[in-house]
Structure formats: C-alpha cells, structure tokens
Amino acid sequence: MSRNSHLGYKMKAEIEHSAQHYKNAVQSYKIAIEKVKDAATKKEIEDGLKKSTAALREQLSKEGRRPLLCLAISFTLAIIILLVDAEILEKPILHHNLLAQIGATVIISIIGYVIGLLTNWVIESDRNSLLEAPIDLLNFGDDPSDASSSNRKSNDHVGSKRTDRSHTKSD
C-alpha cells in the first residue's frame, strides 16, 4: 500500500476506532476521505467518520463528567459523615466547630475529585496500551549472541583497541 492510497488510512482509522482512540481515528478518516476517488468508498469512509466523531463526543463527555460525579459522591459522603458525627456519636468531634466541618467537607470533596481525575488517567493509560506492542519477557525475538555483540560494541568506545575480526578466512 502506498502513502497515496486511502485504504491504509481507512484501516488505520478502523483500528484506532476499535481501540477507542477516536481523535486519531477522526484524523485518519479525514485523510482517507482526501485520498479517495470512488464515491461509494467515500460514503463508507464518511460513515466511519460520523461513528468516530459521535464516539469521540461521548468519550469526552464521560471524561468530563467522571470527576464531577466523584466530587458529588464525596460531597454527599462528607455530609453523611458530619450528620453521623453530630447526631449519632456520643461525643461529637466536629459538632460545634463550623470551620472544622467546612474543612472536612472540602478535603473529602477534593479527594473525591482527585479520584475521578485518576480514574480518567487510568482509563486513558489502558486505552493507550491497546496499541502498544507487548513486552517480550522471554526474549524470543532476540538472538543471545546479538546481545553480547551489542554489549561489546558499547564497551568499545571506552578506549580499548579491539580489532574487528571477520567471519571469513583470509588467505
């Protein structure tokens, strides 16, 4: 496939869409639309672009709502904690101290908001790892002799006068 072909960009966009990289998928679909000449294929690519654009809007909406939802839940939890402290405990800790009550509510709410932001970060990291190559823990792709020769080459710059030996016989 050449760089001027729309097929590569279309396939790339489909892979990015399935990996939930909607912003990249939209860009790849736009490039594919620029390169396509056939009207039927262009319509197919435009449908994919519409799907990716809608999914991108939904994804951004969820990412914006998640920290706010966690903030609301933690604020509600803080209010419940204050009510339990004032009404149920025998010796209330924060009952007569308004500043401490406000401080506890703010701190618990901030913790909830940060949890929402961290959740977004974890989800984005997980999404990014879908397109990365897996780690080769067993070194199946590497030749052990290559590792020793690359180690030797890195030691050559220290100043040793090592000569390169050829693998062929010289007469």
C-alpha atoms as a PDB file:
ATOM      1  CA  MET A   1       0.000   0.000   0.000  1.00  0.00           C
ATOM      2  CA  SER A   2       1.324   3.391  -0.904  1.00  0.00           C
ATOM      3  CA  ARG A   3       1.092   6.595   1.083  1.00  0.00           C
ATOM      4  CA  ASN A   4      -1.301   7.949  -1.528  1.00  0.00           C
ATOM      5  CA  SER A   5      -3.806   5.127  -1.010  1.00  0.00           C
ATOM      6  CA  HIS A   6      -6.903   5.689   1.088  1.00  0.00           C
ATOM      7  CA  LEU A   7      -7.035   2.034   2.157  1.00  0.00           C
ATOM      8  CA  GLY A   8      -4.169   2.296   4.643  1.00  0.00           C
ATOM      9  CA  TYR A   9      -5.675   5.316   6.354  1.00  0.00           C
ATOM     10  CA  LYS A  10      -9.093   3.679   6.409  1.00  0.00           C
ATOM     11  CA  MET A  11      -7.683   0.535   8.040  1.00  0.00           C
ATOM     12  CA  LYS A  12      -5.687   2.636  10.478  1.00  0.00           C
ATOM     13  CA  ALA A  13      -8.836   4.579  11.397  1.00  0.00           C
ATOM     14  CA  GLU A  14     -10.803   1.363  11.940  1.00  0.00           C
ATOM     15  CA  ILE A  15      -8.111   0.007  14.247  1.00  0.00           C
ATOM     16  CA  GLU A  16      -7.934   3.288  16.160  1.00  0.00           C
ATOM     17  CA  HIS A  17     -11.719   3.329  16.470  1.00  0.00           C
ATOM     18  CA  SER A  18     -11.820  -0.205  17.844  1.00  0.00           C
ATOM     19  CA  ALA A  19      -9.070   0.724  20.337  1.00  0.00           C
ATOM     20  CA  GLN A  20     -11.135   3.776  21.404  1.00  0.00           C
ATOM     21  CA  HIS A  21      -8.595   6.272  20.034  1.00  0.00           C
ATOM     22  CA  TYR A  22     -11.415   8.281  18.491  1.00  0.00           C
ATOM     23  CA  LYS A  23      -9.479  11.530  17.990  1.00  0.00           C
ATOM     24  CA  ASN A  24      -6.806   9.735  15.953  1.00  0.00           C
ATOM     25  CA  ALA A  25      -9.491   7.769  14.092  1.00  0.00           C
ATOM     26  CA  VAL A  26     -11.221  11.004  13.053  1.00  0.00           C
ATOM     27  CA  GLN A  27      -7.921  12.365  11.714  1.00  0.00           C
ATOM     28  CA  SER A  28      -7.187   9.159   9.805  1.00  0.00           C
ATOM     29  CA  TYR A  29     -10.692   9.089   8.317  1.00  0.00           C
ATOM     30  CA  LYS A  30     -10.281  12.705   7.161  1.00  0.00           C
ATOM     31  CA  ILE A  31      -7.003  11.869   5.417  1.00  0.00           C
ATOM     32  CA  ALA A  32      -8.632   8.815   3.816  1.00  0.00           C
ATOM     33  CA  ILE A  33     -11.505  10.989   2.528  1.00  0.00           C
ATOM     34  CA  GLU A  34      -8.994  13.365   0.943  1.00  0.00           C
ATOM     35  CA  LYS A  35      -7.261  10.497  -0.859  1.00  0.00           C
ATOM     36  CA  VAL A  36     -10.306   8.522  -2.035  1.00  0.00           C
ATOM     37  CA  LYS A  37     -11.620   8.893  -5.580  1.00  0.00           C
ATOM     38  CA  ASP A  38     -14.571   6.465  -5.583  1.00  0.00           C
ATOM     39  CA  ALA A  39     -17.938   7.900  -4.395  1.00  0.00           C
ATOM     40  CA  ALA A  40     -19.146   4.634  -2.811  1.00  0.00           C
ATOM     41  CA  THR A  41     -15.937   4.219  -0.857  1.00  0.00           C
ATOM     42  CA  LYS A  42     -16.065   7.875   0.151  1.00  0.00           C
ATOM     43  CA  LYS A  43     -19.572   7.341   1.552  1.00  0.00           C
ATOM     44  CA  GLU A  44     -18.337   4.313   3.533  1.00  0.00           C
ATOM     45  CA  ILE A  45     -15.423   6.308   4.965  1.00  0.00           C
ATOM     46  CA  GLU A  46     -17.748   9.217   5.835  1.00  0.00           C
ATOM     47  CA  ASP A  47     -19.979   6.802   7.759  1.00  0.00           C
ATOM     48  CA  GLY A  48     -16.944   5.653   9.726  1.00  0.00           C
ATOM     49  CA  LEU A  49     -16.013   9.289  10.332  1.00  0.00           C
ATOM     50  CA  LYS A  50     -19.504  10.008  11.693  1.00  0.00           C
ATOM     51  CA  LYS A  51     -19.286   6.989  14.025  1.00  0.00           C
ATOM     52  CA  SER A  52     -15.867   8.044  15.313  1.00  0.00           C
ATOM     53  CA  THR A  53     -16.963  11.665  15.769  1.00  0.00           C
ATOM     54  CA  ALA A  54     -20.032  10.611  17.772  1.00  0.00           C
ATOM     55  CA  ALA A  55     -17.941   8.228  19.867  1.00  0.00           C
ATOM     56  CA  LEU A  56     -15.363  10.996  20.465  1.00  0.00           C
ATOM     57  CA  ARG A  57     -18.090  13.356  21.709  1.00  0.00           C
ATOM     58  CA  GLU A  58     -19.421  10.684  24.036  1.00  0.00           C
ATOM     59  CA  GLN A  59     -15.934   9.848  25.310  1.00  0.00           C
ATOM     60  CA  LEU A  60     -15.115  13.497  26.042  1.00  0.00           C
ATOM     61  CA  SER A  61     -18.461  13.902  27.774  1.00  0.00           C
ATOM     62  CA  LYS A  62     -17.801  10.904  30.025  1.00  0.00           C
ATOM     63  CA  GLU A  63     -14.283  12.115  30.808  1.00  0.00           C
ATOM     64  CA  GLY A  64     -15.680  15.493  31.829  1.00  0.00           C
ATOM     65  CA  ARG A  65     -18.488  14.052  33.952  1.00  0.00           C
ATOM     66  CA  ARG A  66     -16.478  11.422  35.818  1.00  0.00           C
ATOM     67  CA  PRO A  67     -14.546  13.808  38.153  1.00  0.00           C
ATOM     68  CA  LEU A  68     -17.725  15.802  38.813  1.00  0.00           C
ATOM     69  CA  LEU A  69     -19.645  12.641  39.665  1.00  0.00           C
ATOM     70  CA  CYS A  70     -16.895  11.584  42.073  1.00  0.00           C
ATOM     71  CA  LEU A  71     -16.950  15.096  43.562  1.00  0.00           C
ATOM     72  CA  ALA A  72     -20.722  14.893  44.126  1.00  0.00           C
ATOM     73  CA  ILE A  73     -20.465  11.431  45.693  1.00  0.00           C
ATOM     74  CA  SER A  74     -17.639  12.501  48.010  1.00  0.00           C
ATOM     75  CA  PHE A  75     -19.506  15.689  48.990  1.00  0.00           C
ATOM     76  CA  THR A  76     -22.557  13.583  49.866  1.00  0.00           C
ATOM     77  CA  LEU A  77     -20.322  11.236  51.838  1.00  0.00           C
ATOM     78  CA  ALA A  78     -18.847  14.216  53.721  1.00  0.00           C
ATOM     79  CA  ILE A  79     -22.322  15.466  54.639  1.00  0.00           C
ATOM     80  CA  ILE A  80     -23.284  11.979  55.866  1.00  0.00           C
ATOM     81  CA  ILE A  81     -20.111  11.848  57.960  1.00  0.00           C
ATOM     82  CA  LEU A  82     -20.955  15.232  59.513  1.00  0.00           C
ATOM     83  CA  LEU A  83     -24.530  14.127  60.260  1.00  0.00           C
ATOM     84  CA  VAL A  84     -23.302  10.900  61.848  1.00  0.00           C
ATOM     85  CA  ASP A  85     -20.812  12.911  63.887  1.00  0.00           C
ATOM     86  CA  ALA A  86     -23.455  15.364  65.118  1.00  0.00           C
ATOM     87  CA  GLU A  87     -26.397  13.023  65.702  1.00  0.00           C
ATOM     88  CA  ILE A  88     -25.181   9.506  66.412  1.00  0.00           C
ATOM     89  CA  LEU A  89     -21.823   9.767  68.179  1.00  0.00           C
ATOM     90  CA  GLU A  90     -21.877  10.191  71.944  1.00  0.00           C
ATOM     91  CA  LYS A  91     -19.062  12.768  71.881  1.00  0.00           C
ATOM     92  CA  PRO A  92     -19.219  14.622  68.533  1.00  0.00           C
ATOM     93  CA  ILE A  93     -15.835  15.665  67.179  1.00  0.00           C
ATOM     94  CA  LEU A  94     -16.910  18.403  64.767  1.00  0.00           C
ATOM     95  CA  HIS A  95     -20.308  19.334  66.205  1.00  0.00           C
ATOM     96  CA  HIS A  96     -19.621  22.894  67.434  1.00  0.00           C
ATOM     97  CA  ASN A  97     -16.723  23.774  65.140  1.00  0.00           C
ATOM     98  CA  LEU A  98     -18.032  25.207  61.859  1.00  0.00           C
ATOM     99  CA  LEU A  99     -14.547  25.743  60.426  1.00  0.00           C
ATOM    100  CA  ALA A 100     -13.619  22.086  61.023  1.00  0.00           C
ATOM    101  CA  GLN A 101     -16.889  20.949  59.433  1.00  0.00           C
ATOM    102  CA  ILE A 102     -16.254  23.036  56.321  1.00  0.00           C
ATOM    103  CA  GLY A 103     -12.628  21.904  56.191  1.00  0.00           C
ATOM    104  CA  ALA A 104     -13.557  18.228  56.446  1.00  0.00           C
ATOM    105  CA  THR A 105     -16.193  18.634  53.727  1.00  0.00           C
ATOM    106  CA  VAL A 106     -13.759  20.402  51.396  1.00  0.00           C
ATOM    107  CA  ILE A 107     -10.958  17.877  51.970  1.00  0.00           C
ATOM    108  CA  ILE A 108     -13.225  14.866  51.389  1.00  0.00           C
ATOM    109  CA  SER A 109     -14.668  16.523  48.265  1.00  0.00           C
ATOM    110  CA  ILE A 110     -11.198  17.269  46.876  1.00  0.00           C
ATOM    111  CA  ILE A 111     -10.182  13.655  47.474  1.00  0.00           C
ATOM    112  CA  GLY A 112     -13.247  12.524  45.509  1.00  0.00           C
ATOM    113  CA  TYR A 113     -12.440  14.884  42.626  1.00  0.00           C
ATOM    114  CA  VAL A 114      -8.830  13.651  42.504  1.00  0.00           C
ATOM    115  CA  ILE A 115     -10.105  10.054  42.457  1.00  0.00           C
ATOM    116  CA  GLY A 116     -12.220  10.996  39.417  1.00  0.00           C
ATOM    117  CA  LEU A 117      -9.194  12.522  37.665  1.00  0.00           C
ATOM    118  CA  LEU A 118      -7.065   9.475  38.468  1.00  0.00           C
ATOM    119  CA  THR A 119      -9.794   7.217  37.116  1.00  0.00           C
ATOM    120  CA  ASN A 120      -9.704   9.157  33.831  1.00  0.00           C
ATOM    121  CA  TRP A 121      -5.916   8.805  33.737  1.00  0.00           C
ATOM    122  CA  VAL A 122      -6.057   5.032  34.358  1.00  0.00           C
ATOM    123  CA  ILE A 123      -8.677   4.561  31.638  1.00  0.00           C
ATOM    124  CA  GLU A 124      -6.632   6.641  29.179  1.00  0.00           C
ATOM    125  CA  SER A 125      -3.452   4.702  30.020  1.00  0.00           C
ATOM    126  CA  ASP A 126      -5.303   1.438  29.499  1.00  0.00           C
ATOM    127  CA  ARG A 127      -6.634   2.705  26.173  1.00  0.00           C
ATOM    128  CA  ASN A 128      -3.136   3.783  25.074  1.00  0.00           C
ATOM    129  CA  SER A 129      -1.676   0.394  25.928  1.00  0.00           C
ATOM    130  CA  LEU A 130      -4.037  -1.292  23.447  1.00  0.00           C
ATOM    131  CA  LEU A 131      -1.939  -0.073  20.519  1.00  0.00           C
ATOM    132  CA  GLU A 132       1.479  -0.726  22.067  1.00  0.00           C
ATOM    133  CA  ALA A 133       3.496  -3.837  21.332  1.00  0.00           C
ATOM    134  CA  PRO A 134       3.560  -6.301  24.228  1.00  0.00           C
ATOM    135  CA  ILE A 135       6.707  -6.638  26.301  1.00  0.00           C
ATOM    136  CA  ASP A 136       8.900  -9.568  25.257  1.00  0.00           C
ATOM    137  CA  LEU A 137       9.665 -11.018  28.678  1.00  0.00           C
ATOM    138  CA  LEU A 138      11.238 -14.207  27.370  1.00  0.00           C
ATOM    139  CA  ASN A 139      13.363 -12.547  24.643  1.00  0.00           C
ATOM    140  CA  PHE A 140      12.000 -14.781  21.902  1.00  0.00           C
ATOM    141  CA  GLY A 141      12.702 -12.124  19.290  1.00  0.00           C
ATOM    142  CA  ASP A 142      16.335 -11.506  20.284  1.00  0.00           C
ATOM    143  CA  ASP A 143      19.331 -13.630  19.469  1.00  0.00           C
ATOM    144  CA  PRO A 144      21.508 -14.021  22.614  1.00  0.00           C
ATOM    145  CA  SER A 145      24.652 -13.563  20.540  1.00  0.00           C
ATOM    146  CA  ASP A 146      23.320 -10.180  19.378  1.00  0.00           C
ATOM    147  CA  ALA A 147      23.099  -9.000  22.974  1.00  0.00           C
ATOM    148  CA  SER A 148      26.716  -9.906  23.680  1.00  0.00           C
ATOM    149  CA  SER A 149      27.927  -8.267  20.467  1.00  0.00           C
ATOM    150  CA  SER A 150      25.971  -5.082  21.223  1.00  0.00           C
ATOM    151  CA  ASN A 151      27.430  -5.115  24.727  1.00  0.00           C
ATOM    152  CA  ARG A 152      30.897  -5.450  23.223  1.00  0.00           C
ATOM    153  CA  LYS A 153      30.238  -2.531  20.868  1.00  0.00           C
ATOM    154  CA  SER A 154      29.137  -0.331  23.743  1.00  0.00           C
ATOM    155  CA  ASN A 155      32.378  -1.117  25.577  1.00  0.00           C
ATOM    156  CA  ASP A 156      34.488  -0.264  22.521  1.00  0.00           C
ATOM    157  CA  HIS A 157      34.077   3.475  22.996  1.00  0.00           C
ATOM    158  CA  VAL A 158      35.978   3.302  26.318  1.00  0.00           C
ATOM    159  CA  GLY A 159      39.279   3.336  24.511  1.00  0.00           C
ATOM    160  CA  SER A 160      40.240  -0.267  24.103  1.00  0.00           C
ATOM    161  CA  LYS A 161      41.932  -1.073  20.820  1.00  0.00           C
ATOM    162  CA  ARG A 162      39.861  -4.047  19.839  1.00  0.00           C
ATOM    163  CA  THR A 163      40.017  -5.149  16.211  1.00  0.00           C
ATOM    164  CA  ASP A 164      37.019  -6.351  14.299  1.00  0.00           C
ATOM    165  CA  ARG A 165      37.509  -9.967  13.277  1.00  0.00           C
ATOM    166  CA  SER A 166      35.952 -11.210  10.113  1.00  0.00           C
ATOM    167  CA  HIS A 167      33.937 -14.407   9.960  1.00  0.00           C
ATOM    168  CA  THR A 168      35.613 -15.405   6.720  1.00  0.00           C
ATOM    169  CA  LYS A 169      39.073 -16.816   6.272  1.00  0.00           C
ATOM    170  CA  SER A 170      41.623 -14.553   4.765  1.00  0.00           C
ATOM    171  CA  ASP A 171      44.459 -16.160   2.801  1.00  0.00           C
END
